């Protein structure tokens, strides 16, 4: 996973933030897989909404990392672009489900 490589040099004193980011990313992956495999439309919508909420948490943690100079602007922008892509896909997926009622 890209996140592992990019967070490799996190200072030991800030390991908790790194672990929170890693955990949130794996949670995001798990929720997305669950949403993709369920046939229950109501559950699928809730899971996609959870994906979007989890992205906000990850973005907060990355912003905190940037403010504390744990990651540089380049890494922050790289993560942000990836998260933006996921938001686009998730909101598009949600819109498709909403329009097929």
PDB file of N, CA and C in Angstrom:
ATOM      1  N   UNK A   1       0.846  -1.172   0.000  1.00  0.00           N
ATOM      2  CA  UNK A   1       0.000   0.000   0.000  1.00  0.00           C
ATOM      3  C   UNK A   1       0.895   1.239   0.000  1.00  0.00           C
ATOM      4  N   UNK A   2       0.537   2.210  -0.798  1.00  0.00           N
ATOM      5  CA  UNK A   2       1.318   3.429  -0.943  1.00  0.00           C
ATOM      6  C   UNK A   2       1.558   4.118   0.395  1.00  0.00           C
ATOM      7  N   UNK A   3       0.579   4.085   1.253  1.00  0.00           N
ATOM      8  CA  UNK A   3       0.657   4.791   2.530  1.00  0.00           C
ATOM      9  C   UNK A   3       1.828   4.294   3.367  1.00  0.00           C
ATOM     10  N   UNK A   4       2.102   3.012   3.341  1.00  0.00           N
ATOM     11  CA  UNK A   4       3.200   2.452   4.123  1.00  0.00           C
ATOM     12  C   UNK A   4       4.533   3.057   3.703  1.00  0.00           C
ATOM     13  N   UNK A   5       4.747   3.141   2.427  1.00  0.00           N
ATOM     14  CA  UNK A   5       5.999   3.674   1.894  1.00  0.00           C
ATOM     15  C   UNK A   5       6.136   5.158   2.224  1.00  0.00           C
ATOM     16  N   UNK A   6       5.072   5.893   2.052  1.00  0.00           N
ATOM     17  CA  UNK A   6       5.123   7.342   2.245  1.00  0.00           C
ATOM     18  C   UNK A   6       5.266   7.748   3.708  1.00  0.00           C
ATOM     19  N   UNK A   7       4.818   6.922   4.620  1.00  0.00           N
ATOM     20  CA  UNK A   7       4.889   7.263   6.044  1.00  0.00           C
ATOM     21  C   UNK A   7       6.076   6.596   6.743  1.00  0.00           C
ATOM     22  N   UNK A   8       6.933   5.988   5.975  1.00  0.00           N
ATOM     23  CA  UNK A   8       8.045   5.220   6.525  1.00  0.00           C
ATOM     24  C   UNK A   8       8.933   6.043   7.459  1.00  0.00           C
ATOM     25  N   UNK A   9       9.192   7.278   7.131  1.00  0.00           N
ATOM     26  CA  UNK A   9      10.130   8.097   7.884  1.00  0.00           C
ATOM     27  C   UNK A   9       9.469   8.987   8.940  1.00  0.00           C
ATOM     28  N   UNK A  10       8.302   8.616   9.385  1.00  0.00           N
ATOM     29  CA  UNK A  10       7.619   9.372  10.433  1.00  0.00           C
ATOM     30  C   UNK A  10       8.463   9.324  11.708  1.00  0.00           C
ATOM     31  N   UNK A  11       8.592  10.449  12.407  1.00  0.00           N
ATOM     32  CA  UNK A  11       9.354  10.428  13.666  1.00  0.00           C
ATOM     33  C   UNK A  11       8.711   9.494  14.692  1.00  0.00           C
ATOM     34  N   UNK A  12       9.526   8.826  15.464  1.00  0.00           N
ATOM     35  CA  UNK A  12       9.025   7.879  16.467  1.00  0.00           C
ATOM     36  C   UNK A  12       8.117   8.548  17.492  1.00  0.00           C
ATOM     37  N   UNK A  13       8.401   9.813  17.822  1.00  0.00           N
ATOM     38  CA  UNK A  13       7.586  10.502  18.821  1.00  0.00           C
ATOM     39  C   UNK A  13       6.158  10.763  18.321  1.00  0.00           C
ATOM     40  N   UNK A  14       5.953  10.701  17.012  1.00  0.00           N
ATOM     41  CA  UNK A  14       4.636  10.947  16.424  1.00  0.00           C
ATOM     42  C   UNK A  14       4.050   9.678  15.817  1.00  0.00           C
ATOM     43  N   UNK A  15       4.471   8.549  16.327  1.00  0.00           N
ATOM     44  CA  UNK A  15       4.042   7.251  15.792  1.00  0.00           C
ATOM     45  C   UNK A  15       2.528   7.058  15.893  1.00  0.00           C
ATOM     46  N   UNK A  16       1.900   7.679  16.896  1.00  0.00           N
ATOM     47  CA  UNK A  16       0.452   7.529  17.080  1.00  0.00           C
ATOM     48  C   UNK A  16      -0.323   8.103  15.887  1.00  0.00           C
ATOM     49  N   UNK A  17       0.115   9.254  15.391  1.00  0.00           N
ATOM     50  CA  UNK A  17      -0.545   9.840  14.208  1.00  0.00           C
ATOM     51  C   UNK A  17      -0.368   8.912  13.010  1.00  0.00           C
ATOM     52  N   UNK A  18       0.848   8.413  12.842  1.00  0.00           N
ATOM     53  CA  UNK A  18       1.116   7.486  11.741  1.00  0.00           C
ATOM     54  C   UNK A  18       0.219   6.254  11.844  1.00  0.00           C
ATOM     55  N   UNK A  19       0.115   5.691  13.033  1.00  0.00           N
ATOM     56  CA  UNK A  19      -0.721   4.507  13.227  1.00  0.00           C
ATOM     57  C   UNK A  19      -2.192   4.811  12.972  1.00  0.00           C
ATOM     58  N   UNK A  20      -2.647   6.001  13.370  1.00  0.00           N
ATOM     59  CA  UNK A  20      -4.037   6.387  13.106  1.00  0.00           C
ATOM     60  C   UNK A  20      -4.306   6.530  11.618  1.00  0.00           C
ATOM     61  N   UNK A  21      -3.359   7.102  10.894  1.00  0.00           N
ATOM     62  CA  UNK A  21      -3.512   7.232   9.440  1.00  0.00           C
ATOM     63  C   UNK A  21      -3.561   5.848   8.803  1.00  0.00           C
ATOM     64  N   UNK A  22      -2.629   4.992   9.183  1.00  0.00           N
ATOM     65  CA  UNK A  22      -2.572   3.632   8.622  1.00  0.00           C
ATOM     66  C   UNK A  22      -3.870   2.870   8.902  1.00  0.00           C
ATOM     67  N   UNK A  23      -4.327   2.932  10.145  1.00  0.00           N
ATOM     68  CA  UNK A  23      -5.559   2.233  10.520  1.00  0.00           C
ATOM     69  C   UNK A  23      -6.750   2.769   9.735  1.00  0.00           C
ATOM     70  N   UNK A  24      -6.844   4.084   9.621  1.00  0.00           N
ATOM     71  CA  UNK A  24      -7.953   4.689   8.876  1.00  0.00           C
ATOM     72  C   UNK A  24      -7.915   4.284   7.405  1.00  0.00           C
ATOM     73  N   UNK A  25      -6.723   4.192   6.838  1.00  0.00           N
ATOM     74  CA  UNK A  25      -6.610   3.783   5.433  1.00  0.00           C
ATOM     75  C   UNK A  25      -7.057   2.332   5.242  1.00  0.00           C
ATOM     76  N   UNK A  26      -6.659   1.464   6.150  1.00  0.00           N
ATOM     77  CA  UNK A  26      -7.093   0.062   6.048  1.00  0.00           C
ATOM     78  C   UNK A  26      -8.597  -0.066   6.304  1.00  0.00           C
ATOM     79  N   UNK A  27      -9.122   0.740   7.221  1.00  0.00           N
ATOM     80  CA  UNK A  27     -10.572   0.756   7.447  1.00  0.00           C
ATOM     81  C   UNK A  27     -11.297   1.206   6.187  1.00  0.00           C
ATOM     82  N   UNK A  28     -10.763   2.234   5.541  1.00  0.00           N
ATOM     83  CA  UNK A  28     -11.345   2.740   4.300  1.00  0.00           C
ATOM     84  C   UNK A  28     -11.389   1.642   3.241  1.00  0.00           C
ATOM     85  N   UNK A  29     -10.310   0.920   3.109  1.00  0.00           N
ATOM     86  CA  UNK A  29     -10.242  -0.178   2.145  1.00  0.00           C
ATOM     87  C   UNK A  29     -11.283  -1.253   2.460  1.00  0.00           C
ATOM     88  N   UNK A  30     -11.382  -1.614   3.730  1.00  0.00           N
ATOM     89  CA  UNK A  30     -12.344  -2.640   4.132  1.00  0.00           C
ATOM     90  C   UNK A  30     -13.784  -2.197   3.865  1.00  0.00           C
ATOM     91  N   UNK A  31     -14.105  -0.961   4.200  1.00  0.00           N
ATOM     92  CA  UNK A  31     -15.468  -0.452   3.995  1.00  0.00           C
ATOM     93  C   UNK A  31     -15.798  -0.430   2.505  1.00  0.00           C
ATOM     94  N   UNK A  32     -14.832  -0.004   1.694  1.00  0.00           N
ATOM     95  CA  UNK A  32     -15.058   0.036   0.241  1.00  0.00           C
ATOM     96  C   UNK A  32     -15.304  -1.364  -0.320  1.00  0.00           C
ATOM     97  N   UNK A  33     -14.537  -2.353   0.149  1.00  0.00           N
ATOM     98  CA  UNK A  33     -14.759  -3.741  -0.283  1.00  0.00           C
ATOM     99  C   UNK A  33     -16.145  -4.231   0.141  1.00  0.00           C
ATOM    100  N   UNK A  34     -16.536  -3.919   1.352  1.00  0.00           N
ATOM    101  CA  UNK A  34     -17.869  -4.325   1.815  1.00  0.00           C
ATOM    102  C   UNK A  34     -18.957  -3.701   0.950  1.00  0.00           C
ATOM    103  N   UNK A  35     -18.800  -2.419   0.653  1.00  0.00           N
ATOM    104  CA  UNK A  35     -19.787  -1.729  -0.192  1.00  0.00           C
ATOM    105  C   UNK A  35     -19.848  -2.353  -1.573  1.00  0.00           C
ATOM    106  N   UNK A  36     -18.707  -2.745  -2.082  1.00  0.00           N
ATOM    107  CA  UNK A  36     -18.650  -3.320  -3.420  1.00  0.00           C
ATOM    108  C   UNK A  36     -19.258  -4.711  -3.493  1.00  0.00           C
ATOM    109  N   UNK A  37     -19.251  -5.434  -2.387  1.00  0.00           N
ATOM    110  CA  UNK A  37     -19.717  -6.818  -2.430  1.00  0.00           C
ATOM    111  C   UNK A  37     -21.141  -7.023  -1.942  1.00  0.00           C
ATOM    112  N   UNK A  38     -21.731  -6.004  -1.331  1.00  0.00           N
ATOM    113  CA  UNK A  38     -23.097  -6.185  -0.843  1.00  0.00           C
ATOM    114  C   UNK A  38     -24.112  -5.918  -1.946  1.00  0.00           C
ATOM    115  N   UNK A  39     -25.208  -6.635  -1.892  1.00  0.00           N
ATOM    116  CA  UNK A  39     -26.291  -6.433  -2.848  1.00  0.00           C
ATOM    117  C   UNK A  39     -27.414  -5.600  -2.246  1.00  0.00           C
ATOM    118  N   UNK A  40     -27.347  -5.360  -0.952  1.00  0.00           N
ATOM    119  CA  UNK A  40     -28.338  -4.559  -0.238  1.00  0.00           C
ATOM    120  C   UNK A  40     -28.046  -3.077  -0.505  1.00  0.00           C
ATOM    121  N   UNK A  41     -28.898  -2.437  -1.287  1.00  0.00           N
ATOM    122  CA  UNK A  41     -28.682  -1.055  -1.700  1.00  0.00           C
ATOM    123  C   UNK A  41     -28.626  -0.089  -0.523  1.00  0.00           C
ATOM    124  N   UNK A  42     -29.474  -0.286   0.459  1.00  0.00           N
ATOM    125  CA  UNK A  42     -29.476   0.590   1.632  1.00  0.00           C
ATOM    126  C   UNK A  42     -28.149   0.472   2.379  1.00  0.00           C
ATOM    127  N   UNK A  43     -27.685  -0.741   2.567  1.00  0.00           N
ATOM    128  CA  UNK A  43     -26.406  -0.971   3.228  1.00  0.00           C
ATOM    129  C   UNK A  43     -25.267  -0.394   2.398  1.00  0.00           C
ATOM    130  N   UNK A  44     -25.325  -0.590   1.092  1.00  0.00           N
ATOM    131  CA  UNK A  44     -24.291  -0.071   0.198  1.00  0.00           C
ATOM    132  C   UNK A  44     -24.181   1.447   0.332  1.00  0.00           C
ATOM    133  N   UNK A  45     -25.318   2.147   0.383  1.00  0.00           N
ATOM    134  CA  UNK A  45     -25.304   3.606   0.533  1.00  0.00           C
ATOM    135  C   UNK A  45     -24.667   4.013   1.855  1.00  0.00           C
ATOM    136  N   UNK A  46     -25.039   3.323   2.930  1.00  0.00           N
ATOM    137  CA  UNK A  46     -24.459   3.635   4.246  1.00  0.00           C
ATOM    138  C   UNK A  46     -22.948   3.411   4.245  1.00  0.00           C
ATOM    139  N   UNK A  47     -22.513   2.346   3.605  1.00  0.00           N
ATOM    140  CA  UNK A  47     -21.084   2.054   3.546  1.00  0.00           C
ATOM    141  C   UNK A  47     -20.333   3.104   2.727  1.00  0.00           C
ATOM    142  N   UNK A  48     -20.921   3.540   1.639  1.00  0.00           N
ATOM    143  CA  UNK A  48     -20.278   4.586   0.832  1.00  0.00           C
ATOM    144  C   UNK A  48     -20.199   5.887   1.633  1.00  0.00           C
ATOM    145  N   UNK A  49     -21.237   6.177   2.392  1.00  0.00           N
ATOM    146  CA  UNK A  49     -21.205   7.362   3.263  1.00  0.00           C
ATOM    147  C   UNK A  49     -20.106   7.211   4.317  1.00  0.00           C
ATOM    148  N   UNK A  50     -19.895   5.989   4.804  1.00  0.00           N
ATOM    149  CA  UNK A  50     -18.804   5.742   5.750  1.00  0.00           C
ATOM    150  C   UNK A  50     -17.439   5.946   5.085  1.00  0.00           C
ATOM    151  N   UNK A  51     -17.346   5.567   3.813  1.00  0.00           N
ATOM    152  CA  UNK A  51     -16.111   5.800   3.059  1.00  0.00           C
ATOM    153  C   UNK A  51     -15.810   7.297   3.033  1.00  0.00           C
ATOM    154  N   UNK A  52     -16.822   8.083   2.714  1.00  0.00           N
ATOM    155  CA  UNK A  52     -16.638   9.535   2.643  1.00  0.00           C
ATOM    156  C   UNK A  52     -16.265  10.120   4.006  1.00  0.00           C
ATOM    157  N   UNK A  53     -16.874   9.621   5.064  1.00  0.00           N
ATOM    158  CA  UNK A  53     -16.542  10.090   6.412  1.00  0.00           C
ATOM    159  C   UNK A  53     -15.116   9.701   6.786  1.00  0.00           C
ATOM    160  N   UNK A  54     -14.714   8.503   6.436  1.00  0.00           N
ATOM    161  CA  UNK A  54     -13.362   8.035   6.754  1.00  0.00           C
ATOM    162  C   UNK A  54     -12.324   8.876   6.015  1.00  0.00           C
ATOM    163  N   UNK A  55     -12.641   9.290   4.805  1.00  0.00           N
ATOM    164  CA  UNK A  55     -11.727  10.141   4.049  1.00  0.00           C
ATOM    165  C   UNK A  55     -11.535  11.483   4.766  1.00  0.00           C
ATOM    166  N   UNK A  56     -12.606  12.007   5.341  1.00  0.00           N
ATOM    167  CA  UNK A  56     -12.483  13.266   6.094  1.00  0.00           C
ATOM    168  C   UNK A  56     -11.562  13.099   7.295  1.00  0.00           C
ATOM    169  N   UNK A  57     -11.645  11.959   7.955  1.00  0.00           N
ATOM    170  CA  UNK A  57     -10.759  11.676   9.090  1.00  0.00           C
ATOM    171  C   UNK A  57      -9.311  11.601   8.612  1.00  0.00           C
ATOM    172  N   UNK A  58      -9.080  10.893   7.528  1.00  0.00           N
ATOM    173  CA  UNK A  58      -7.727  10.758   6.987  1.00  0.00           C
ATOM    174  C   UNK A  58      -7.183  12.122   6.576  1.00  0.00           C
ATOM    175  N   UNK A  59      -8.014  12.912   5.933  1.00  0.00           N
ATOM    176  CA  UNK A  59      -7.596  14.248   5.520  1.00  0.00           C
ATOM    177  C   UNK A  59      -7.217  15.093   6.741  1.00  0.00           C
ATOM    178  N   UNK A  60      -8.006  15.000   7.803  1.00  0.00           N
ATOM    179  CA  UNK A  60      -7.685  15.720   9.032  1.00  0.00           C
ATOM    180  C   UNK A  60      -6.325  15.298   9.578  1.00  0.00           C
ATOM    181  N   UNK A  61      -6.088  13.994   9.630  1.00  0.00           N
ATOM    182  CA  UNK A  61      -4.820  13.478  10.150  1.00  0.00           C
ATOM    183  C   UNK A  61      -3.633  13.889   9.276  1.00  0.00           C
ATOM    184  N   UNK A  62      -3.841  13.900   7.970  1.00  0.00           N
ATOM    185  CA  UNK A  62      -2.773  14.331   7.068  1.00  0.00           C
ATOM    186  C   UNK A  62      -2.503  15.826   7.218  1.00  0.00           C
ATOM    187  N   UNK A  63      -3.571  16.598   7.390  1.00  0.00           N
ATOM    188  CA  UNK A  63      -3.407  18.036   7.603  1.00  0.00           C
ATOM    189  C   UNK A  63      -2.646  18.291   8.904  1.00  0.00           C
ATOM    190  N   UNK A  64      -2.982  17.549   9.939  1.00  0.00           N
ATOM    191  CA  UNK A  64      -2.273  17.639  11.208  1.00  0.00           C
ATOM    192  C   UNK A  64      -0.796  17.284  11.021  1.00  0.00           C
ATOM    193  N   UNK A  65      -0.530  16.273  10.226  1.00  0.00           N
ATOM    194  CA  UNK A  65       0.846  15.870   9.939  1.00  0.00           C
ATOM    195  C   UNK A  65       1.601  16.968   9.207  1.00  0.00           C
ATOM    196  N   UNK A  66       0.930  17.620   8.290  1.00  0.00           N
ATOM    197  CA  UNK A  66       1.556  18.723   7.559  1.00  0.00           C
ATOM    198  C   UNK A  66       1.847  19.887   8.502  1.00  0.00           C
ATOM    199  N   UNK A  67       0.863  20.246   9.322  1.00  0.00           N
ATOM    200  CA  UNK A  67       1.042  21.358  10.270  1.00  0.00           C
ATOM    201  C   UNK A  67       2.187  21.095  11.242  1.00  0.00           C
ATOM    202  N   UNK A  68       2.360  19.847  11.648  1.00  0.00           N
ATOM    203  CA  UNK A  68       3.433  19.477  12.569  1.00  0.00           C
ATOM    204  C   UNK A  68       4.737  19.127  11.846  1.00  0.00           C
ATOM    205  N   UNK A  69       4.747  19.366  10.528  1.00  0.00           N
ATOM    206  CA  UNK A  69       5.913  19.130   9.676  1.00  0.00           C
ATOM    207  C   UNK A  69       6.406  17.685   9.717  1.00  0.00           C
ATOM    208  N   UNK A  70       5.438  16.774   9.821  1.00  0.00           N
ATOM    209  CA  UNK A  70       5.752  15.346   9.780  1.00  0.00           C
ATOM    210  C   UNK A  70       5.801  14.848   8.344  1.00  0.00           C
ATOM    211  N   UNK A  71       5.067  15.527   7.481  1.00  0.00           N
ATOM    212  CA  UNK A  71       5.124  15.285   6.040  1.00  0.00           C
ATOM    213  C   UNK A  71       5.302  16.643   5.368  1.00  0.00           C
ATOM    214  N   UNK A  72       5.847  16.626   4.168  1.00  0.00           N
ATOM    215  CA  UNK A  72       6.033  17.884   3.451  1.00  0.00           C
ATOM    216  C   UNK A  72       4.827  18.183   2.558  1.00  0.00           C
ATOM    217  N   UNK A  73       4.828  19.354   1.984  1.00  0.00           N
ATOM    218  CA  UNK A  73       3.715  19.795   1.135  1.00  0.00           C
ATOM    219  C   UNK A  73       3.520  18.862  -0.060  1.00  0.00           C
ATOM    220  N   UNK A  74       4.613  18.356  -0.605  1.00  0.00           N
ATOM    221  CA  UNK A  74       4.538  17.459  -1.770  1.00  0.00           C
ATOM    222  C   UNK A  74       3.794  16.165  -1.426  1.00  0.00           C
ATOM    223  N   UNK A  75       4.130  15.565  -0.287  1.00  0.00           N
ATOM    224  CA  UNK A  75       3.447  14.330   0.135  1.00  0.00           C
ATOM    225  C   UNK A  75       1.974  14.619   0.445  1.00  0.00           C
ATOM    226  N   UNK A  76       1.737  15.752   1.092  1.00  0.00           N
ATOM    227  CA  UNK A  76       0.363  16.124   1.420  1.00  0.00           C
ATOM    228  C   UNK A  76      -0.467  16.264   0.146  1.00  0.00           C
ATOM    229  N   UNK A  77       0.094  16.920  -0.856  1.00  0.00           N
ATOM    230  CA  UNK A  77      -0.606  17.098  -2.130  1.00  0.00           C
ATOM    231  C   UNK A  77      -0.838  15.749  -2.821  1.00  0.00           C
ATOM    232  N   UNK A  78       0.148  14.870  -2.725  1.00  0.00           N
ATOM    233  CA  UNK A  78       0.033  13.535  -3.335  1.00  0.00           C
ATOM    234  C   UNK A  78      -1.097  12.745  -2.683  1.00  0.00           C
ATOM    235  N   UNK A  79      -1.116  12.739  -1.338  1.00  0.00           N
ATOM    236  CA  UNK A  79      -2.196  12.067  -0.617  1.00  0.00           C
ATOM    237  C   UNK A  79      -3.539  12.705  -0.945  1.00  0.00           C
ATOM    238  N   UNK A  80      -3.555  14.030  -0.960  1.00  0.00           N
ATOM    239  CA  UNK A  80      -4.795  14.759  -1.235  1.00  0.00           C
ATOM    240  C   UNK A  80      -5.380  14.415  -2.591  1.00  0.00           C
ATOM    241  N   UNK A  81      -4.517  14.302  -3.593  1.00  0.00           N
ATOM    242  CA  UNK A  81      -4.983  13.944  -4.943  1.00  0.00           C
ATOM    243  C   UNK A  81      -5.602  12.552  -4.953  1.00  0.00           C
ATOM    244  N   UNK A  82      -4.990  11.625  -4.245  1.00  0.00           N
ATOM    245  CA  UNK A  82      -5.528  10.256  -4.171  1.00  0.00           C
ATOM    246  C   UNK A  82      -6.879  10.249  -3.444  1.00  0.00           C
ATOM    247  N   UNK A  83      -6.945  10.993  -2.341  1.00  0.00           N
ATOM    248  CA  UNK A  83      -8.207  11.052  -1.597  1.00  0.00           C
ATOM    249  C   UNK A  83      -9.297  11.726  -2.424  1.00  0.00           C
ATOM    250  N   UNK A  84      -8.933  12.768  -3.173  1.00  0.00           N
ATOM    251  CA  UNK A  84      -9.911  13.432  -4.046  1.00  0.00           C
ATOM    252  C   UNK A  84     -10.477  12.463  -5.080  1.00  0.00           C
ATOM    253  N   UNK A  85      -9.611  11.611  -5.628  1.00  0.00           N
ATOM    254  CA  UNK A  85     -10.072  10.604  -6.593  1.00  0.00           C
ATOM    255  C   UNK A  85     -11.081   9.662  -5.949  1.00  0.00           C
ATOM    256  N   UNK A  86     -10.777   9.225  -4.736  1.00  0.00           N
ATOM    257  CA  UNK A  86     -11.684   8.308  -4.040  1.00  0.00           C
ATOM    258  C   UNK A  86     -13.018   8.995  -3.754  1.00  0.00           C
ATOM    259  N   UNK A  87     -12.968  10.263  -3.370  1.00  0.00           N
ATOM    260  CA  UNK A  87     -14.206  11.027  -3.113  1.00  0.00           C
ATOM    261  C   UNK A  87     -15.037  11.108  -4.391  1.00  0.00           C
ATOM    262  N   UNK A  88     -14.391  11.386  -5.519  1.00  0.00           N
ATOM    263  CA  UNK A  88     -15.114  11.471  -6.800  1.00  0.00           C
ATOM    264  C   UNK A  88     -15.800  10.146  -7.135  1.00  0.00           C
ATOM    265  N   UNK A  89     -15.050   9.049  -6.983  1.00  0.00           N
ATOM    266  CA  UNK A  89     -15.622   7.732  -7.283  1.00  0.00           C
ATOM    267  C   UNK A  89     -16.765   7.397  -6.330  1.00  0.00           C
ATOM    268  N   UNK A  90     -16.566   7.666  -5.054  1.00  0.00           N
ATOM    269  CA  UNK A  90     -17.588   7.329  -4.056  1.00  0.00           C
ATOM    270  C   UNK A  90     -18.847   8.167  -4.247  1.00  0.00           C
ATOM    271  N   UNK A  91     -18.698   9.459  -4.498  1.00  0.00           N
ATOM    272  CA  UNK A  91     -19.890  10.300  -4.696  1.00  0.00           C
ATOM    273  C   UNK A  91     -20.588   9.930  -6.003  1.00  0.00           C
ATOM    274  N   UNK A  92     -19.818   9.594  -7.019  1.00  0.00           N
ATOM    275  CA  UNK A  92     -20.421   9.131  -8.271  1.00  0.00           C
ATOM    276  C   UNK A  92     -21.193   7.846  -8.061  1.00  0.00           C
ATOM    277  N   UNK A  93     -20.641   6.937  -7.318  1.00  0.00           N
ATOM    278  CA  UNK A  93     -21.272   5.659  -6.985  1.00  0.00           C
ATOM    279  C   UNK A  93     -22.566   5.910  -6.220  1.00  0.00           C
ATOM    280  N   UNK A  94     -22.502   6.814  -5.259  1.00  0.00           N
ATOM    281  CA  UNK A  94     -23.682   7.160  -4.467  1.00  0.00           C
ATOM    282  C   UNK A  94     -24.760   7.779  -5.358  1.00  0.00           C
ATOM    283  N   UNK A  95     -24.362   8.657  -6.270  1.00  0.00           N
ATOM    284  CA  UNK A  95     -25.322   9.285  -7.190  1.00  0.00           C
ATOM    285  C   UNK A  95     -25.999   8.257  -8.078  1.00  0.00           C
ATOM    286  N   UNK A  96     -25.244   7.283  -8.547  1.00  0.00           N
ATOM    287  CA  UNK A  96     -25.821   6.212  -9.380  1.00  0.00           C
ATOM    288  C   UNK A  96     -26.873   5.450  -8.579  1.00  0.00           C
ATOM    289  N   UNK A  97     -26.553   5.139  -7.333  1.00  0.00           N
ATOM    290  CA  UNK A  97     -27.509   4.408  -6.480  1.00  0.00           C
ATOM    291  C   UNK A  97     -28.747   5.243  -6.221  1.00  0.00           C
ATOM    292  N   UNK A  98     -28.576   6.531  -6.005  1.00  0.00           N
ATOM    293  CA  UNK A  98     -29.712   7.424  -5.752  1.00  0.00           C
ATOM    294  C   UNK A  98     -30.613   7.534  -6.980  1.00  0.00           C
ATOM    295  N   UNK A  99     -30.016   7.559  -8.152  1.00  0.00           N
ATOM    296  CA  UNK A  99     -30.782   7.722  -9.394  1.00  0.00           C
ATOM    297  C   UNK A  99     -31.458   6.443  -9.868  1.00  0.00           C
ATOM    298  N   UNK A 100     -31.134   5.313  -9.255  1.00  0.00           N
ATOM    299  CA  UNK A 100     -31.739   4.037  -9.634  1.00  0.00           C
ATOM    300  C   UNK A 100     -32.753   3.544  -8.593  1.00  0.00           C
ATOM    301  N   UNK A 101     -33.394   4.466  -7.960  1.00  0.00           N
ATOM    302  CA  UNK A 101     -34.416   4.084  -6.956  1.00  0.00           C
ATOM    303  C   UNK A 101     -35.641   3.517  -7.612  1.00  0.00           C
TER     304      UNK A 101
END
